[in-house]
Amino acid sequence: MSARSGSFPDDSGAAIVLTVANAAEAEALIKADPAVSEGVFHYRIHPWAPVPWQQYVK
């Protein structure tokens, strides 16, 4: 598992990109976060895949 995160400039929230095997693994990691389980943070999972731009660049 790897992760990258950062907040939005307008303080409306943040994004975390997790590299995991599947959505179930992501959800288990998120639900284990004390800030999530205590209701401080809320989450939504959106599947995402990077575009292999190298194949389009000449």
Protein backbone atom coordinates (compact mmCIF):
# COMPACT_ATOMS: atom_id res chain seq x y z
CA MET A 1 0.00 0.00 0.00
CA SER A 2 1.17 3.48 -0.74
CA ALA A 3 -0.54 6.82 -0.28
CA ARG A 4 -0.31 10.46 -1.27
CA SER A 5 -2.45 13.18 0.22
CA GLY A 6 -3.05 16.90 0.31
CA SER A 7 -5.65 19.49 1.20
CA PHE A 8 -7.58 21.66 -1.21
CA PRO A 9 -6.47 25.33 -1.33
CA ASP A 10 -9.93 26.56 -0.32
CA ASP A 11 -9.97 24.38 2.85
CA SER A 12 -13.02 22.51 1.58
CA GLY A 13 -11.40 19.14 2.22
CA ALA A 14 -8.56 16.94 1.10
CA ALA A 15 -7.77 14.04 -1.18
CA ILE A 16 -5.87 10.87 -0.47
CA VAL A 17 -4.76 8.57 -3.28
CA LEU A 18 -4.22 5.02 -2.04
CA THR A 19 -2.51 2.36 -4.11
CA VAL A 20 -4.28 -0.83 -3.02
CA ALA A 21 -5.45 -4.10 -4.53
CA ASN A 22 -9.16 -3.23 -4.45
CA ALA A 23 -11.87 -1.00 -2.97
CA ALA A 24 -12.37 -3.36 -0.01
CA GLU A 25 -8.74 -2.89 1.04
CA ALA A 26 -9.08 0.88 0.74
CA GLU A 27 -12.25 0.89 2.80
CA ALA A 28 -10.67 -1.26 5.54
CA LEU A 29 -7.72 1.13 5.78
CA ILE A 30 -9.96 4.19 5.89
CA LYS A 31 -12.34 2.76 8.49
CA ALA A 32 -9.35 1.89 10.72
CA ASP A 33 -8.37 5.58 10.87
CA PRO A 34 -9.39 6.93 14.31
CA ALA A 35 -10.40 10.30 12.82
CA VAL A 36 -12.84 8.50 10.51
CA SER A 37 -14.20 6.10 13.14
CA GLU A 38 -14.75 9.04 15.55
CA GLY A 39 -16.58 11.06 12.90
CA VAL A 40 -13.97 13.83 12.58
CA PHE A 41 -13.39 13.01 8.90
CA HIS A 42 -15.82 11.62 6.34
CA TYR A 43 -14.86 9.82 3.17
CA ARG A 44 -15.95 8.82 -0.29
CA ILE A 45 -14.14 6.25 -2.41
CA HIS A 46 -13.67 6.99 -6.11
CA PRO A 47 -11.84 4.42 -8.25
CA TRP A 48 -9.05 6.06 -10.24
CA ALA A 49 -6.30 4.88 -12.53
CA PRO A 50 -3.39 6.92 -13.84
CA VAL A 51 -3.14 7.48 -17.58
CA PRO A 52 0.08 6.09 -19.09
CA TRP A 53 0.92 9.37 -20.81
CA GLN A 54 4.34 8.12 -21.93
CA GLN A 55 2.68 6.07 -24.65
CA TYR A 56 1.12 9.22 -26.14
CA VAL A 57 4.23 11.44 -26.01
CA LYS A 58 6.57 11.31 -28.97
